[in-house]
Amino acid sequence: MSPLAYLVSLPVRAYRLVFSPWVGHACRYQPTCSAYAMEALEKHGALKGGWLAARRIARCHPWGGSGIDNVPERGD
């Protein structure tokens, strides 16, 4: 993970450490949004990975979809 991607991942890491145990495990998608964000940042870097993570979080609402939603491979 690049240094910038690591910085972008810090709020996700904090969420997983502090808030995730309190929120519960009722995610609409697999992998969870935080796991998706971490994988996107690792695969695509800070800019594209951050964009993919933000898009995923925006889709996670009561009228959104559900199911398996994997991070796209590089080059897609």
C-alpha atoms as a PDB file:
ATOM      1  CA  MET A   1       0.000   0.000   0.000  1.00  0.00           C
ATOM      2  CA  SER A   2       1.374   3.401  -0.934  1.00  0.00           C
ATOM      3  CA  PRO A   3       1.954   5.983   1.818  1.00  0.00           C
ATOM      4  CA  LEU A   4      -0.972   8.115   0.583  1.00  0.00           C
ATOM      5  CA  ALA A   5      -3.282   5.088   0.452  1.00  0.00           C
ATOM      6  CA  TYR A   6      -2.191   4.244   3.996  1.00  0.00           C
ATOM      7  CA  LEU A   7      -3.183   7.740   5.146  1.00  0.00           C
ATOM      8  CA  VAL A   8      -6.552   7.423   3.413  1.00  0.00           C
ATOM      9  CA  SER A   9      -7.044   4.036   5.107  1.00  0.00           C
ATOM     10  CA  LEU A  10      -6.607   5.435   8.628  1.00  0.00           C
ATOM     11  CA  PRO A  11     -10.290   6.469   9.039  1.00  0.00           C
ATOM     12  CA  VAL A  12     -11.328   3.002   7.844  1.00  0.00           C
ATOM     13  CA  ARG A  13      -8.964   1.378  10.339  1.00  0.00           C
ATOM     14  CA  ALA A  14     -10.329   3.618  13.104  1.00  0.00           C
ATOM     15  CA  TYR A  15     -13.912   2.725  12.163  1.00  0.00           C
ATOM     16  CA  ARG A  16     -13.075  -0.984  12.265  1.00  0.00           C
ATOM     17  CA  LEU A  17     -11.399  -0.635  15.650  1.00  0.00           C
ATOM     18  CA  VAL A  18     -13.837   1.709  17.406  1.00  0.00           C
ATOM     19  CA  PHE A  19     -17.271   1.709  15.762  1.00  0.00           C
ATOM     20  CA  SER A  20     -17.611  -1.613  13.964  1.00  0.00           C
ATOM     21  CA  PRO A  21     -18.031  -3.678  17.152  1.00  0.00           C
ATOM     22  CA  TRP A  22     -20.866  -1.360  18.248  1.00  0.00           C
ATOM     23  CA  VAL A  23     -22.642  -1.142  14.887  1.00  0.00           C
ATOM     24  CA  GLY A  24     -22.936  -4.885  14.410  1.00  0.00           C
ATOM     25  CA  HIS A  25     -22.572  -7.129  11.417  1.00  0.00           C
ATOM     26  CA  ALA A  26     -25.598  -6.352   9.267  1.00  0.00           C
ATOM     27  CA  CYS A  27     -23.815  -5.309   6.082  1.00  0.00           C
ATOM     28  CA  ARG A  28     -25.819  -5.551   2.855  1.00  0.00           C
ATOM     29  CA  TYR A  29     -22.804  -6.540   0.779  1.00  0.00           C
ATOM     30  CA  GLN A  30     -20.020  -9.101   0.881  1.00  0.00           C
ATOM     31  CA  PRO A  31     -17.263  -8.176   1.558  1.00  0.00           C
ATOM     32  CA  THR A  32     -18.237  -5.550   4.109  1.00  0.00           C
ATOM     33  CA  CYS A  33     -17.776  -1.904   3.172  1.00  0.00           C
ATOM     34  CA  SER A  34     -14.688  -1.507   5.359  1.00  0.00           C
ATOM     35  CA  ALA A  35     -13.077  -4.662   3.945  1.00  0.00           C
ATOM     36  CA  TYR A  36     -13.947  -3.449   0.424  1.00  0.00           C
ATOM     37  CA  ALA A  37     -12.357  -0.056   1.163  1.00  0.00           C
ATOM     38  CA  MET A  38      -9.141  -1.615   2.456  1.00  0.00           C
ATOM     39  CA  GLU A  39      -8.882  -3.960  -0.537  1.00  0.00           C
ATOM     40  CA  ALA A  40      -9.620  -1.141  -2.994  1.00  0.00           C
ATOM     41  CA  LEU A  41      -6.917   1.027  -1.430  1.00  0.00           C
ATOM     42  CA  GLU A  42      -4.412  -1.842  -1.559  1.00  0.00           C
ATOM     43  CA  LYS A  43      -5.187  -2.741  -5.194  1.00  0.00           C
ATOM     44  CA  HIS A  44      -5.789   0.690  -6.720  1.00  0.00           C
ATOM     45  CA  GLY A  45      -4.047   3.231  -4.507  1.00  0.00           C
ATOM     46  CA  ALA A  46      -5.387   6.318  -2.774  1.00  0.00           C
ATOM     47  CA  LEU A  47      -7.222   8.073  -5.611  1.00  0.00           C
ATOM     48  CA  LYS A  48      -9.010   5.301  -7.483  1.00  0.00           C
ATOM     49  CA  GLY A  49      -9.284   3.105  -4.379  1.00  0.00           C
ATOM     50  CA  GLY A  50     -10.745   5.982  -2.413  1.00  0.00           C
ATOM     51  CA  TRP A  51     -13.218   6.683  -5.210  1.00  0.00           C
ATOM     52  CA  LEU A  52     -14.270   3.018  -5.368  1.00  0.00           C
ATOM     53  CA  ALA A  53     -14.729   2.923  -1.581  1.00  0.00           C
ATOM     54  CA  ALA A  54     -16.788   6.140  -1.569  1.00  0.00           C
ATOM     55  CA  ARG A  55     -18.988   4.807  -4.385  1.00  0.00           C
ATOM     56  CA  ARG A  56     -19.545   1.581  -2.480  1.00  0.00           C
ATOM     57  CA  ILE A  57     -20.480   3.379   0.740  1.00  0.00           C
ATOM     58  CA  ALA A  58     -22.895   5.603  -1.205  1.00  0.00           C
ATOM     59  CA  ARG A  59     -24.649   2.479  -2.550  1.00  0.00           C
ATOM     60  CA  CYS A  60     -25.116   1.062   0.950  1.00  0.00           C
ATOM     61  CA  HIS A  61     -28.551   2.335   1.924  1.00  0.00           C
ATOM     62  CA  PRO A  62     -31.976   0.729   2.547  1.00  0.00           C
ATOM     63  CA  TRP A  63     -33.043   1.088  -1.098  1.00  0.00           C
ATOM     64  CA  GLY A  64     -29.686   0.001  -2.515  1.00  0.00           C
ATOM     65  CA  GLY A  65     -28.618  -3.404  -3.688  1.00  0.00           C
ATOM     66  CA  SER A  66     -27.092  -6.272  -1.807  1.00  0.00           C
ATOM     67  CA  GLY A  67     -25.044  -9.376  -2.435  1.00  0.00           C
ATOM     68  CA  ILE A  68     -21.491 -10.031  -3.520  1.00  0.00           C
ATOM     69  CA  ASP A  69     -19.636  -6.940  -4.737  1.00  0.00           C
ATOM     70  CA  ASN A  70     -15.925  -7.560  -5.181  1.00  0.00           C
ATOM     71  CA  VAL A  71     -13.297  -4.918  -5.883  1.00  0.00           C
ATOM     72  CA  PRO A  72     -12.577  -4.764  -9.639  1.00  0.00           C
ATOM     73  CA  GLU A  73      -9.177  -5.944 -10.764  1.00  0.00           C
ATOM     74  CA  ARG A  74      -6.554  -3.430 -11.860  1.00  0.00           C
ATOM     75  CA  GLY A  75      -7.028  -2.227 -15.405  1.00  0.00           C
ATOM     76  CA  ASP A  76     -10.843  -2.463 -15.336  1.00  0.00           C
END
